Amino acid sequence: MDVTERWAFIVNPVAGSGAAKSQVVKLEELIRKNNLIAEIVYTERRGHAAELSEIFLNGGVKYIIGVGGDGTLNEIARPLIGKPEVITGIIPAGTGNDFVQILGFPNRFGDREWEIFLGRNTILMDTGSVNGMIFLNGMGLGFDAQVASENFTGQGLAKEGSKNRYIWHIIKTLLFFREKKMTQITGGERAETDCFINTVAIGRRFAGGFLLTPKAVANDGLLDVCSIRKLSLVQRVRILLKVPSGNHINDSLINYYQTEGLELEFRETVPYHIDGELYFSEKFNVSLLPESLKIIYNPYGPHFFQR
């Protein structure tokens, strides 16, 4: 495949309540200014970004970039795993923008960030796989997945214009969530537990600022796991108040560890999220894909890579 210096920008027009679409004027200006051979396309439905990414990949485009949130980049990255000749990246314009923190960029670009982004500093990062689907930031079971399922509209998560609704679902789930029995299989050993939260991550931040896996490094060859068993209401509140700073991992009720893979089983179908998108299953086969995605990052910012 002949890979040229062509660019493709895949824009999710509904991301960030239209924030992604508003970036296009600036993007067009920078394409002209930097004499880029580039195409801008818009997604039309869930899964469309993955389709477009594969078309550009097969067409020999070297830089396949997302303009949107974590879910947009997840779709774009799917056909690019294990193809280091192609480079991806994200211009953050979603609601939570948790993934972009790994790369050392802020939630929105100013002139300096655009300049750094177009400087094309790249790095190989790890990705994860669960039941054959990739994750770039992480996947989660339990409390946060239940909140996501409560906020599900049938067409996707109701992220746009729904902050009050989301807060209500957090409060309701905090009060009434009931942990389900879970079997964890690591190294051939089976252990039954229950699941308040079970997050498996490449990145550190979730839900717009919660540091569930604060020790995660995106190219260390390990998945970070934060596992929390059954909690009383008082314990839930105490733990969750510590999560934004990452101090919860020092609590005796938290099981925090690193692994290259694990298996989880439930007695019934449960919700789970992958990079903020909602799915359902009973069994979870989670593995690491080391240095499987080449991506643009900010080497001058507080990124979460080791060199």
C-alpha atoms as a PDB file:
ATOM      1  CA  MET A   1       0.000   0.000   0.000  1.00  0.00           C
ATOM      2  CA  ASP A   2       1.400   3.376  -1.046  1.00  0.00           C
ATOM      3  CA  VAL A   3       0.966   5.680   1.933  1.00  0.00           C
ATOM      4  CA  THR A   4       1.293   9.364   1.010  1.00  0.00           C
ATOM      5  CA  GLU A   5       1.239  12.531   3.091  1.00  0.00           C
ATOM      6  CA  ARG A   6      -2.518  12.881   2.699  1.00  0.00           C
ATOM      7  CA  TRP A   7      -4.784  13.815   5.598  1.00  0.00           C
ATOM      8  CA  ALA A   8      -8.393  12.905   6.373  1.00  0.00           C
ATOM      9  CA  PHE A   9     -10.367  14.657   9.117  1.00  0.00           C
ATOM     10  CA  ILE A  10     -13.443  12.714  10.259  1.00  0.00           C
ATOM     11  CA  VAL A  11     -15.847  15.082  12.027  1.00  0.00           C
ATOM     12  CA  ASN A  12     -18.657  13.946  14.299  1.00  0.00           C
ATOM     13  CA  PRO A  13     -21.028  16.920  13.863  1.00  0.00           C
ATOM     14  CA  VAL A  14     -23.085  16.197  17.002  1.00  0.00           C
ATOM     15  CA  ALA A  15     -20.120  15.770  19.362  1.00  0.00           C
ATOM     16  CA  GLY A  16     -19.912  18.292  22.182  1.00  0.00           C
ATOM     17  CA  SER A  17     -23.335  19.770  21.316  1.00  0.00           C
ATOM     18  CA  GLY A  18     -21.937  20.908  17.982  1.00  0.00           C
ATOM     19  CA  ALA A  19     -18.433  21.796  19.212  1.00  0.00           C
ATOM     20  CA  ALA A  20     -16.854  19.463  16.662  1.00  0.00           C
ATOM     21  CA  LYS A  21     -18.673  21.079  13.758  1.00  0.00           C
ATOM     22  CA  SER A  22     -17.588  24.521  14.966  1.00  0.00           C
ATOM     23  CA  GLN A  23     -13.927  23.481  14.600  1.00  0.00           C
ATOM     24  CA  VAL A  24     -14.234  23.052  10.834  1.00  0.00           C
ATOM     25  CA  VAL A  25     -13.710  26.720   9.908  1.00  0.00           C
ATOM     26  CA  LYS A  26     -10.438  26.808  11.866  1.00  0.00           C
ATOM     27  CA  LEU A  27      -9.469  23.451  10.400  1.00  0.00           C
ATOM     28  CA  GLU A  28     -10.035  24.644   6.831  1.00  0.00           C
ATOM     29  CA  GLU A  29      -7.935  27.731   7.539  1.00  0.00           C
ATOM     30  CA  LEU A  30      -5.035  25.640   8.850  1.00  0.00           C
ATOM     31  CA  ILE A  31      -5.243  23.219   5.930  1.00  0.00           C
ATOM     32  CA  ARG A  32      -4.794  26.149   3.540  1.00  0.00           C
ATOM     33  CA  LYS A  33      -2.087  27.795   5.623  1.00  0.00           C
ATOM     34  CA  ASN A  34      -0.038  24.598   5.913  1.00  0.00           C
ATOM     35  CA  ASN A  35      -0.667  23.421   2.326  1.00  0.00           C
ATOM     36  CA  LEU A  36      -2.025  20.089   3.504  1.00  0.00           C
ATOM     37  CA  ILE A  37      -3.512  17.600   1.079  1.00  0.00           C
ATOM     38  CA  ALA A  38      -6.608  16.979   3.153  1.00  0.00           C
ATOM     39  CA  GLU A  39     -10.235  15.967   3.056  1.00  0.00           C
ATOM     40  CA  ILE A  40     -12.905  16.746   5.655  1.00  0.00           C
ATOM     41  CA  VAL A  41     -15.852  14.375   6.006  1.00  0.00           C
ATOM     42  CA  TYR A  42     -18.772  14.155   8.426  1.00  0.00           C
ATOM     43  CA  THR A  43     -20.141  11.093  10.179  1.00  0.00           C
ATOM     44  CA  GLU A  44     -23.833  10.344   9.774  1.00  0.00           C
ATOM     45  CA  ARG A  45     -24.488   7.569  12.296  1.00  0.00           C
ATOM     46  CA  ARG A  46     -22.935   5.353  14.946  1.00  0.00           C
ATOM     47  CA  GLY A  47     -20.223   3.204  13.362  1.00  0.00           C
ATOM     48  CA  HIS A  48     -19.776   5.496  10.364  1.00  0.00           C
ATOM     49  CA  ALA A  49     -16.400   6.826  11.561  1.00  0.00           C
ATOM     50  CA  ALA A  50     -14.991   3.280  11.486  1.00  0.00           C
ATOM     51  CA  GLU A  51     -16.266   2.784   7.945  1.00  0.00           C
ATOM     52  CA  LEU A  52     -14.744   6.070   6.780  1.00  0.00           C
ATOM     53  CA  SER A  53     -11.450   5.302   8.520  1.00  0.00           C
ATOM     54  CA  GLU A  54     -11.178   1.973   6.717  1.00  0.00           C
ATOM     55  CA  ILE A  55     -11.903   3.623   3.372  1.00  0.00           C
ATOM     56  CA  PHE A  56      -9.141   6.181   3.953  1.00  0.00           C
ATOM     57  CA  LEU A  57      -6.774   3.455   5.151  1.00  0.00           C
ATOM     58  CA  ASN A  58      -7.348   1.428   2.001  1.00  0.00           C
ATOM     59  CA  GLY A  59      -6.966   4.597  -0.056  1.00  0.00           C
ATOM     60  CA  GLY A  60      -3.444   5.189   1.245  1.00  0.00           C
ATOM     61  CA  VAL A  61      -4.137   8.181   3.526  1.00  0.00           C
ATOM     62  CA  LYS A  62      -1.374   8.595   6.098  1.00  0.00           C
ATOM     63  CA  TYR A  63      -3.053  10.833   8.726  1.00  0.00           C
ATOM     64  CA  ILE A  64      -6.594   9.818   9.731  1.00  0.00           C
ATOM     65  CA  ILE A  65      -7.756  12.277  12.378  1.00  0.00           C
ATOM     66  CA  GLY A  66     -10.898  12.495  14.483  1.00  0.00           C
ATOM     67  CA  VAL A  67     -12.731  15.702  15.365  1.00  0.00           C
ATOM     68  CA  GLY A  68     -15.036  14.822  18.235  1.00  0.00           C
ATOM     69  CA  GLY A  69     -14.959  12.856  21.466  1.00  0.00           C
ATOM     70  CA  ASP A  70     -13.593   9.572  22.780  1.00  0.00           C
ATOM     71  CA  GLY A  71     -16.175   7.457  20.969  1.00  0.00           C
ATOM     72  CA  THR A  72     -15.340   9.067  17.635  1.00  0.00           C
ATOM     73  CA  LEU A  73     -11.640   8.273  17.980  1.00  0.00           C
ATOM     74  CA  ASN A  74     -12.397   4.731  19.126  1.00  0.00           C
ATOM     75  CA  GLU A  75     -14.275   4.083  15.894  1.00  0.00           C
ATOM     76  CA  ILE A  76     -11.550   5.653  13.754  1.00  0.00           C
ATOM     77  CA  ALA A  77      -8.844   3.579  15.454  1.00  0.00           C
ATOM     78  CA  ARG A  78     -10.550   0.209  14.925  1.00  0.00           C
ATOM     79  CA  PRO A  79      -9.148  -0.478  11.428  1.00  0.00           C
ATOM     80  CA  LEU A  80      -5.791   1.125  12.298  1.00  0.00           C
ATOM     81  CA  ILE A  81      -4.712  -1.240  15.098  1.00  0.00           C
ATOM     82  CA  GLY A  82      -1.381  -2.855  14.252  1.00  0.00           C
ATOM     83  CA  LYS A  83      -0.767  -0.553  11.276  1.00  0.00           C
ATOM     84  CA  PRO A  84       2.058   1.804  12.349  1.00  0.00           C
ATOM     85  CA  GLU A  85       2.444   3.173   8.826  1.00  0.00           C
ATOM     86  CA  VAL A  86      -0.786   5.109   9.435  1.00  0.00           C
ATOM     87  CA  ILE A  87      -1.078   7.847  12.079  1.00  0.00           C
ATOM     88  CA  THR A  88      -4.212   8.891  13.942  1.00  0.00           C
ATOM     89  CA  GLY A  89      -5.026  11.673  16.379  1.00  0.00           C
ATOM     90  CA  ILE A  90      -7.884  13.572  17.965  1.00  0.00           C
ATOM     91  CA  ILE A  91      -8.936  17.200  17.881  1.00  0.00           C
ATOM     92  CA  PRO A  92     -10.986  17.153  21.100  1.00  0.00           C
ATOM     93  CA  ALA A  93     -14.542  18.384  20.708  1.00  0.00           C
ATOM     94  CA  GLY A  94     -16.595  15.935  22.748  1.00  0.00           C
ATOM     95  CA  THR A  95     -18.292  16.253  26.122  1.00  0.00           C
ATOM     96  CA  GLY A  96     -15.938  14.445  28.508  1.00  0.00           C
ATOM     97  CA  ASN A  97     -12.720  14.361  26.420  1.00  0.00           C
ATOM     98  CA  ASP A  98     -11.083  11.951  28.846  1.00  0.00           C
ATOM     99  CA  PHE A  99      -8.833  10.223  26.322  1.00  0.00           C
ATOM    100  CA  VAL A 100      -7.061  13.366  25.092  1.00  0.00           C
ATOM    101  CA  GLN A 101      -5.492  13.833  28.538  1.00  0.00           C
ATOM    102  CA  ILE A 102      -3.302  10.802  27.813  1.00  0.00           C
ATOM    103  CA  LEU A 103      -1.838  12.695  24.859  1.00  0.00           C
ATOM    104  CA  GLY A 104      -0.964  15.852  26.794  1.00  0.00           C
ATOM    105  CA  PHE A 105      -3.578  18.063  25.128  1.00  0.00           C
ATOM    106  CA  PRO A 106      -6.353  20.060  26.858  1.00  0.00           C
ATOM    107  CA  ASN A 107     -10.099  19.664  26.266  1.00  0.00           C
ATOM    108  CA  ARG A 108     -10.090  22.314  23.545  1.00  0.00           C
ATOM    109  CA  PHE A 109      -7.312  23.526  21.233  1.00  0.00           C
ATOM    110  CA  GLY A 110      -5.915  27.041  21.215  1.00  0.00           C
ATOM    111  CA  ASP A 111      -3.386  28.319  18.674  1.00  0.00           C
ATOM    112  CA  ARG A 112      -0.488  26.660  20.532  1.00  0.00           C
ATOM    113  CA  GLU A 113      -2.183  23.242  20.550  1.00  0.00           C
ATOM    114  CA  TRP A 114      -2.964  23.459  16.832  1.00  0.00           C
ATOM    115  CA  GLU A 115       0.684  24.268  16.183  1.00  0.00           C
ATOM    116  CA  ILE A 116       1.889  21.318  18.275  1.00  0.00           C
ATOM    117  CA  PHE A 117      -0.660  18.980  16.704  1.00  0.00           C
ATOM    118  CA  LEU A 118       0.408  19.868  13.167  1.00  0.00           C
ATOM    119  CA  GLY A 119       4.025  19.364  14.268  1.00  0.00           C
ATOM    120  CA  ARG A 120       3.178  15.633  14.048  1.00  0.00           C
ATOM    121  CA  ASN A 121       4.988  14.302  17.116  1.00  0.00           C
ATOM    122  CA  THR A 122       3.965  10.663  17.258  1.00  0.00           C
ATOM    123  CA  ILE A 123       4.212   7.754  19.659  1.00  0.00           C
ATOM    124  CA  LEU A 124       3.119   4.119  19.715  1.00  0.00           C
ATOM    125  CA  MET A 125       0.534   3.489  22.424  1.00  0.00           C
ATOM    126  CA  ASP A 126      -1.010   0.360  23.887  1.00  0.00           C
ATOM    127  CA  THR A 127      -4.662  -0.411  23.312  1.00  0.00           C
ATOM    128  CA  GLY A 128      -6.989  -2.893  24.956  1.00  0.00           C
ATOM    129  CA  SER A 129      -9.411  -5.466  23.632  1.00  0.00           C
ATOM    130  CA  VAL A 130     -12.608  -6.750  25.231  1.00  0.00           C
ATOM    131  CA  ASN A 131     -14.710  -9.371  23.478  1.00  0.00           C
ATOM    132  CA  GLY A 132     -13.026  -8.473  20.204  1.00  0.00           C
ATOM    133  CA  MET A 133     -13.663  -4.717  20.492  1.00  0.00           C
ATOM    134  CA  ILE A 134     -10.855  -2.260  21.146  1.00  0.00           C
ATOM    135  CA  PHE A 135     -10.596   0.399  23.809  1.00  0.00           C
ATOM    136  CA  LEU A 136      -8.174   3.308  23.873  1.00  0.00           C
ATOM    137  CA  ASN A 137      -8.944   4.757  27.292  1.00  0.00           C
ATOM    138  CA  GLY A 138     -10.731   1.960  29.108  1.00  0.00           C
ATOM    139  CA  MET A 139     -13.743  -0.226  29.733  1.00  0.00           C
ATOM    140  CA  GLY A 140     -15.877  -0.377  32.830  1.00  0.00           C
ATOM    141  CA  LEU A 141     -18.425  -2.524  34.646  1.00  0.00           C
ATOM    142  CA  GLY A 142     -20.667  -1.849  37.591  1.00  0.00           C
ATOM    143  CA  PHE A 143     -21.764   1.520  38.937  1.00  0.00           C
ATOM    144  CA  ASP A 144     -20.528   3.736  36.094  1.00  0.00           C
ATOM    145  CA  ALA A 145     -21.830   1.341  33.423  1.00  0.00           C
ATOM    146  CA  GLN A 146     -25.230   1.326  35.145  1.00  0.00           C
ATOM    147  CA  VAL A 147     -25.286   5.135  35.086  1.00  0.00           C
ATOM    148  CA  ALA A 148     -24.495   4.979  31.360  1.00  0.00           C
ATOM    149  CA  SER A 149     -27.302   2.483  30.735  1.00  0.00           C
ATOM    150  CA  GLU A 150     -29.768   4.689  32.639  1.00  0.00           C
ATOM    151  CA  ASN A 151     -28.748   7.542  30.341  1.00  0.00           C
ATOM    152  CA  PHE A 152     -29.148   5.467  27.170  1.00  0.00           C
ATOM    153  CA  THR A 153     -31.716   6.719  24.653  1.00  0.00           C
ATOM    154  CA  GLY A 154     -31.739   3.824  22.202  1.00  0.00           C
ATOM    155  CA  GLN A 155     -29.752   5.877  19.702  1.00  0.00           C
ATOM    156  CA  GLY A 156     -26.728   6.225  21.958  1.00  0.00           C
ATOM    157  CA  LEU A 157     -25.878   7.879  25.242  1.00  0.00           C
ATOM    158  CA  ALA A 158     -27.787  11.085  25.869  1.00  0.00           C
ATOM    159  CA  LYS A 159     -24.666  13.165  26.364  1.00  0.00           C
ATOM    160  CA  GLU A 160     -25.670  16.381  24.674  1.00  0.00           C
ATOM    161  CA  GLY A 161     -27.617  18.926  26.713  1.00  0.00           C
ATOM    162  CA  SER A 162     -28.276  16.402  29.458  1.00  0.00           C
ATOM    163  CA  LYS A 163     -26.037  17.355  32.385  1.00  0.00           C
ATOM    164  CA  ASN A 164     -28.909  17.557  34.883  1.00  0.00           C
ATOM    165  CA  ARG A 165     -30.276  14.237  33.695  1.00  0.00           C
ATOM    166  CA  TYR A 166     -26.836  12.651  34.031  1.00  0.00           C
ATOM    167  CA  ILE A 167     -26.403  13.979  37.594  1.00  0.00           C
ATOM    168  CA  TRP A 168     -29.824  12.608  38.503  1.00  0.00           C
ATOM    169  CA  HIS A 169     -28.849   9.147  37.240  1.00  0.00           C
ATOM    170  CA  ILE A 170     -25.622   9.274  39.270  1.00  0.00           C
ATOM    171  CA  ILE A 171     -27.543  10.094  42.452  1.00  0.00           C
ATOM    172  CA  LYS A 172     -30.225   7.481  41.801  1.00  0.00           C
ATOM    173  CA  THR A 173     -27.661   4.787  40.996  1.00  0.00           C
ATOM    174  CA  LEU A 174     -25.580   5.714  44.032  1.00  0.00           C
ATOM    175  CA  LEU A 175     -28.634   5.145  46.247  1.00  0.00           C
ATOM    176  CA  PHE A 176     -30.155   2.054  44.636  1.00  0.00           C
ATOM    177  CA  PHE A 177     -27.417   0.197  42.725  1.00  0.00           C
ATOM    178  CA  ARG A 178     -27.078  -3.454  43.730  1.00  0.00           C
ATOM    179  CA  GLU A 179     -23.758  -5.186  43.117  1.00  0.00           C
ATOM    180  CA  LYS A 180     -23.867  -8.351  41.016  1.00  0.00           C
ATOM    181  CA  LYS A 181     -21.812 -11.509  41.548  1.00  0.00           C
ATOM    182  CA  MET A 182     -18.728 -11.661  39.347  1.00  0.00           C
ATOM    183  CA  THR A 183     -16.128 -14.365  38.732  1.00  0.00           C
ATOM    184  CA  GLN A 184     -12.637 -13.124  37.987  1.00  0.00           C
ATOM    185  CA  ILE A 185     -10.181 -15.413  36.189  1.00  0.00           C
ATOM    186  CA  THR A 186      -6.491 -14.517  36.198  1.00  0.00           C
ATOM    187  CA  GLY A 187      -3.629 -16.926  35.596  1.00  0.00           C
ATOM    188  CA  GLY A 188      -6.057 -19.838  35.558  1.00  0.00           C
ATOM    189  CA  GLU A 189      -7.297 -19.030  39.065  1.00  0.00           C
ATOM    190  CA  ARG A 190     -11.023 -18.357  39.586  1.00  0.00           C
ATOM    191  CA  ALA A 191     -12.254 -16.091  42.354  1.00  0.00           C
ATOM    192  CA  GLU A 192     -15.854 -15.071  43.000  1.00  0.00           C
ATOM    193  CA  THR A 193     -16.518 -11.560  44.164  1.00  0.00           C
ATOM    194  CA  ASP A 194     -19.101  -8.851  43.628  1.00  0.00           C
ATOM    195  CA  CYS A 195     -18.773  -5.758  41.517  1.00  0.00           C
ATOM    196  CA  PHE A 196     -19.435  -2.170  42.504  1.00  0.00           C
ATOM    197  CA  ILE A 197     -16.874  -0.918  39.978  1.00  0.00           C
ATOM    198  CA  ASN A 198     -14.446  -2.825  37.781  1.00  0.00           C
ATOM    199  CA  THR A 199     -12.482  -0.571  35.439  1.00  0.00           C
ATOM    200  CA  VAL A 200      -9.775  -1.864  33.103  1.00  0.00           C
ATOM    201  CA  ALA A 201      -7.748   0.931  31.579  1.00  0.00           C
ATOM    202  CA  ILE A 202      -5.022   2.230  29.323  1.00  0.00           C
ATOM    203  CA  GLY A 203      -5.688   5.814  30.468  1.00  0.00           C
ATOM    204  CA  ARG A 204      -6.318   7.426  33.814  1.00  0.00           C
ATOM    205  CA  ARG A 205      -9.419   9.598  33.538  1.00  0.00           C
ATOM    206  CA  PHE A 206     -13.104   8.751  33.087  1.00  0.00           C
ATOM    207  CA  ALA A 207     -16.500  10.501  33.182  1.00  0.00           C
ATOM    208  CA  GLY A 208     -15.025  13.940  32.545  1.00  0.00           C
ATOM    209  CA  GLY A 209     -12.482  14.011  35.350  1.00  0.00           C
ATOM    210  CA  PHE A 210     -12.558  10.940  37.612  1.00  0.00           C
ATOM    211  CA  LEU A 211      -9.089   9.412  38.056  1.00  0.00           C
ATOM    212  CA  LEU A 212     -10.185   5.807  38.478  1.00  0.00           C
ATOM    213  CA  THR A 213      -6.809   4.407  37.367  1.00  0.00           C
ATOM    214  CA  PRO A 214      -4.330   7.148  38.348  1.00  0.00           C
ATOM    215  CA  LYS A 215      -1.183   5.029  37.845  1.00  0.00           C
ATOM    216  CA  ALA A 216      -1.905   4.059  34.241  1.00  0.00           C
ATOM    217  CA  VAL A 217       0.795   4.650  31.629  1.00  0.00           C
ATOM    218  CA  ALA A 218      -0.326   4.288  28.031  1.00  0.00           C
ATOM    219  CA  ASN A 219       2.711   2.415  26.704  1.00  0.00           C
ATOM    220  CA  ASP A 220       3.929   0.332  29.658  1.00  0.00           C
ATOM    221  CA  GLY A 221       2.608  -2.988  28.345  1.00  0.00           C
ATOM    222  CA  LEU A 222       0.084  -3.343  31.178  1.00  0.00           C
ATOM    223  CA  LEU A 223      -3.598  -2.813  31.833  1.00  0.00           C
ATOM    224  CA  ASP A 224      -4.474  -0.998  35.063  1.00  0.00           C
ATOM    225  CA  VAL A 225      -7.434  -2.458  36.963  1.00  0.00           C
ATOM    226  CA  CYS A 226      -9.456  -0.738  39.671  1.00  0.00           C
ATOM    227  CA  SER A 227     -11.789  -3.259  41.298  1.00  0.00           C
ATOM    228  CA  ILE A 228     -14.205  -2.274  44.058  1.00  0.00           C
ATOM    229  CA  ARG A 229     -16.373  -4.829  45.849  1.00  0.00           C
ATOM    230  CA  LYS A 230     -19.722  -4.362  47.551  1.00  0.00           C
ATOM    231  CA  LEU A 231     -20.005  -1.100  49.502  1.00  0.00           C
ATOM    232  CA  SER A 232     -22.471   0.387  51.940  1.00  0.00           C
ATOM    233  CA  LEU A 233     -23.986   3.755  51.006  1.00  0.00           C
ATOM    234  CA  VAL A 234     -21.624   5.572  53.382  1.00  0.00           C
ATOM    235  CA  GLN A 235     -18.644   3.736  51.879  1.00  0.00           C
ATOM    236  CA  ARG A 236     -19.822   4.556  48.351  1.00  0.00           C
ATOM    237  CA  VAL A 237     -19.948   8.256  49.113  1.00  0.00           C
ATOM    238  CA  ARG A 238     -16.574   8.177  50.884  1.00  0.00           C
ATOM    239  CA  ILE A 239     -14.856   6.327  48.042  1.00  0.00           C
ATOM    240  CA  LEU A 240     -16.419   8.347  45.223  1.00  0.00           C
ATOM    241  CA  LEU A 241     -15.378  11.622  46.851  1.00  0.00           C
ATOM    242  CA  LYS A 242     -11.769  10.417  46.630  1.00  0.00           C
ATOM    243  CA  VAL A 243     -11.925   9.330  42.981  1.00  0.00           C
ATOM    244  CA  PRO A 244     -11.533  12.770  41.307  1.00  0.00           C
ATOM    245  CA  SER A 245      -8.050  13.093  42.859  1.00  0.00           C
ATOM    246  CA  GLY A 246      -7.138   9.406  42.527  1.00  0.00           C
ATOM    247  CA  ASN A 247      -6.672   9.011  46.283  1.00  0.00           C
ATOM    248  CA  HIS A 248      -9.229   6.190  46.453  1.00  0.00           C
ATOM    249  CA  ILE A 249      -6.542   3.638  45.521  1.00  0.00           C
ATOM    250  CA  ASN A 250      -5.033   4.037  49.010  1.00  0.00           C
ATOM    251  CA  ASP A 251      -8.285   2.869  50.611  1.00  0.00           C
ATOM    252  CA  SER A 252      -8.337  -0.691  51.980  1.00  0.00           C
ATOM    253  CA  LEU A 253     -11.572  -1.396  50.089  1.00  0.00           C
ATOM    254  CA  ILE A 254      -9.900  -0.911  46.696  1.00  0.00           C
ATOM    255  CA  ASN A 255      -8.123  -3.660  44.773  1.00  0.00           C
ATOM    256  CA  TYR A 256      -5.795  -1.909  42.311  1.00  0.00           C
ATOM    257  CA  TYR A 257      -3.436  -3.964  40.176  1.00  0.00           C
ATOM    258  CA  GLN A 258      -1.820  -4.281  36.744  1.00  0.00           C
ATOM    259  CA  THR A 259      -2.089  -7.199  34.330  1.00  0.00           C
ATOM    260  CA  GLU A 260      -1.714  -8.162  30.675  1.00  0.00           C
ATOM    261  CA  GLY A 261      -5.203  -9.639  30.596  1.00  0.00           C
ATOM    262  CA  LEU A 262      -8.088 -11.095  32.568  1.00  0.00           C
ATOM    263  CA  GLU A 263     -11.458 -12.794  32.174  1.00  0.00           C
ATOM    264  CA  LEU A 264     -14.659 -11.823  33.957  1.00  0.00           C
ATOM    265  CA  GLU A 265     -17.984 -13.643  34.106  1.00  0.00           C
ATOM    266  CA  PHE A 266     -21.423 -12.667  35.419  1.00  0.00           C
ATOM    267  CA  ARG A 267     -24.500 -14.806  35.999  1.00  0.00           C
ATOM    268  CA  GLU A 268     -26.593 -12.491  33.846  1.00  0.00           C
ATOM    269  CA  THR A 269     -26.200  -9.900  31.100  1.00  0.00           C
ATOM    270  CA  VAL A 270     -24.813  -6.626  32.474  1.00  0.00           C
ATOM    271  CA  PRO A 271     -24.055  -3.223  30.924  1.00  0.00           C
ATOM    272  CA  TYR A 272     -20.490  -2.148  30.259  1.00  0.00           C
ATOM    273  CA  HIS A 273     -18.911   0.818  28.528  1.00  0.00           C
ATOM    274  CA  ILE A 274     -16.007   1.051  26.108  1.00  0.00           C
ATOM    275  CA  ASP A 275     -14.548   4.554  25.809  1.00  0.00           C
ATOM    276  CA  GLY A 276     -17.907   5.927  26.914  1.00  0.00           C
ATOM    277  CA  GLU A 277     -20.089   3.860  24.553  1.00  0.00           C
ATOM    278  CA  LEU A 278     -22.580   1.359  25.985  1.00  0.00           C
ATOM    279  CA  TYR A 279     -22.733  -2.415  25.373  1.00  0.00           C
ATOM    280  CA  PHE A 280     -24.092  -5.530  27.171  1.00  0.00           C
ATOM    281  CA  SER A 281     -22.632  -8.993  27.835  1.00  0.00           C
ATOM    282  CA  GLU A 282     -22.205 -11.755  30.437  1.00  0.00           C
ATOM    283  CA  LYS A 283     -18.568 -12.691  29.759  1.00  0.00           C
ATOM    284  CA  PHE A 284     -15.547 -10.486  29.216  1.00  0.00           C
ATOM    285  CA  ASN A 285     -12.230 -11.534  27.744  1.00  0.00           C
ATOM    286  CA  VAL A 286      -9.897  -8.581  28.215  1.00  0.00           C
ATOM    287  CA  SER A 287      -6.392  -8.393  26.767  1.00  0.00           C
ATOM    288  CA  LEU A 288      -3.636  -5.919  25.988  1.00  0.00           C
ATOM    289  CA  LEU A 289      -2.471  -4.997  22.486  1.00  0.00           C
ATOM    290  CA  PRO A 290       0.989  -3.505  23.143  1.00  0.00           C
ATOM    291  CA  GLU A 291       2.172  -0.524  21.055  1.00  0.00           C
ATOM    292  CA  SER A 292      -0.590  -1.161  18.554  1.00  0.00           C
ATOM    293  CA  LEU A 293      -1.620   2.384  17.565  1.00  0.00           C
ATOM    294  CA  LYS A 294       0.532   5.268  16.291  1.00  0.00           C
ATOM    295  CA  ILE A 295      -0.895   8.580  17.422  1.00  0.00           C
ATOM    296  CA  ILE A 296      -0.064  12.294  17.533  1.00  0.00           C
ATOM    297  CA  TYR A 297       0.691  13.542  21.057  1.00  0.00           C
ATOM    298  CA  ASN A 298       2.017  16.629  22.834  1.00  0.00           C
ATOM    299  CA  PRO A 299       5.533  15.919  24.144  1.00  0.00           C
ATOM    300  CA  TYR A 300       5.540  19.288  25.927  1.00  0.00           C
ATOM    301  CA  GLY A 301       2.402  18.700  27.987  1.00  0.00           C
ATOM    302  CA  PRO A 302       1.651  16.397  30.963  1.00  0.00           C
ATOM    303  CA  HIS A 303       1.154  13.283  28.842  1.00  0.00           C
ATOM    304  CA  PHE A 304       0.916   9.754  30.241  1.00  0.00           C
ATOM    305  CA  PHE A 305       3.626   7.936  28.315  1.00  0.00           C
ATOM    306  CA  GLN A 306       7.016   6.638  29.308  1.00  0.00           C
ATOM    307  CA  ARG A 307       9.922   7.309  26.953  1.00  0.00           C
END
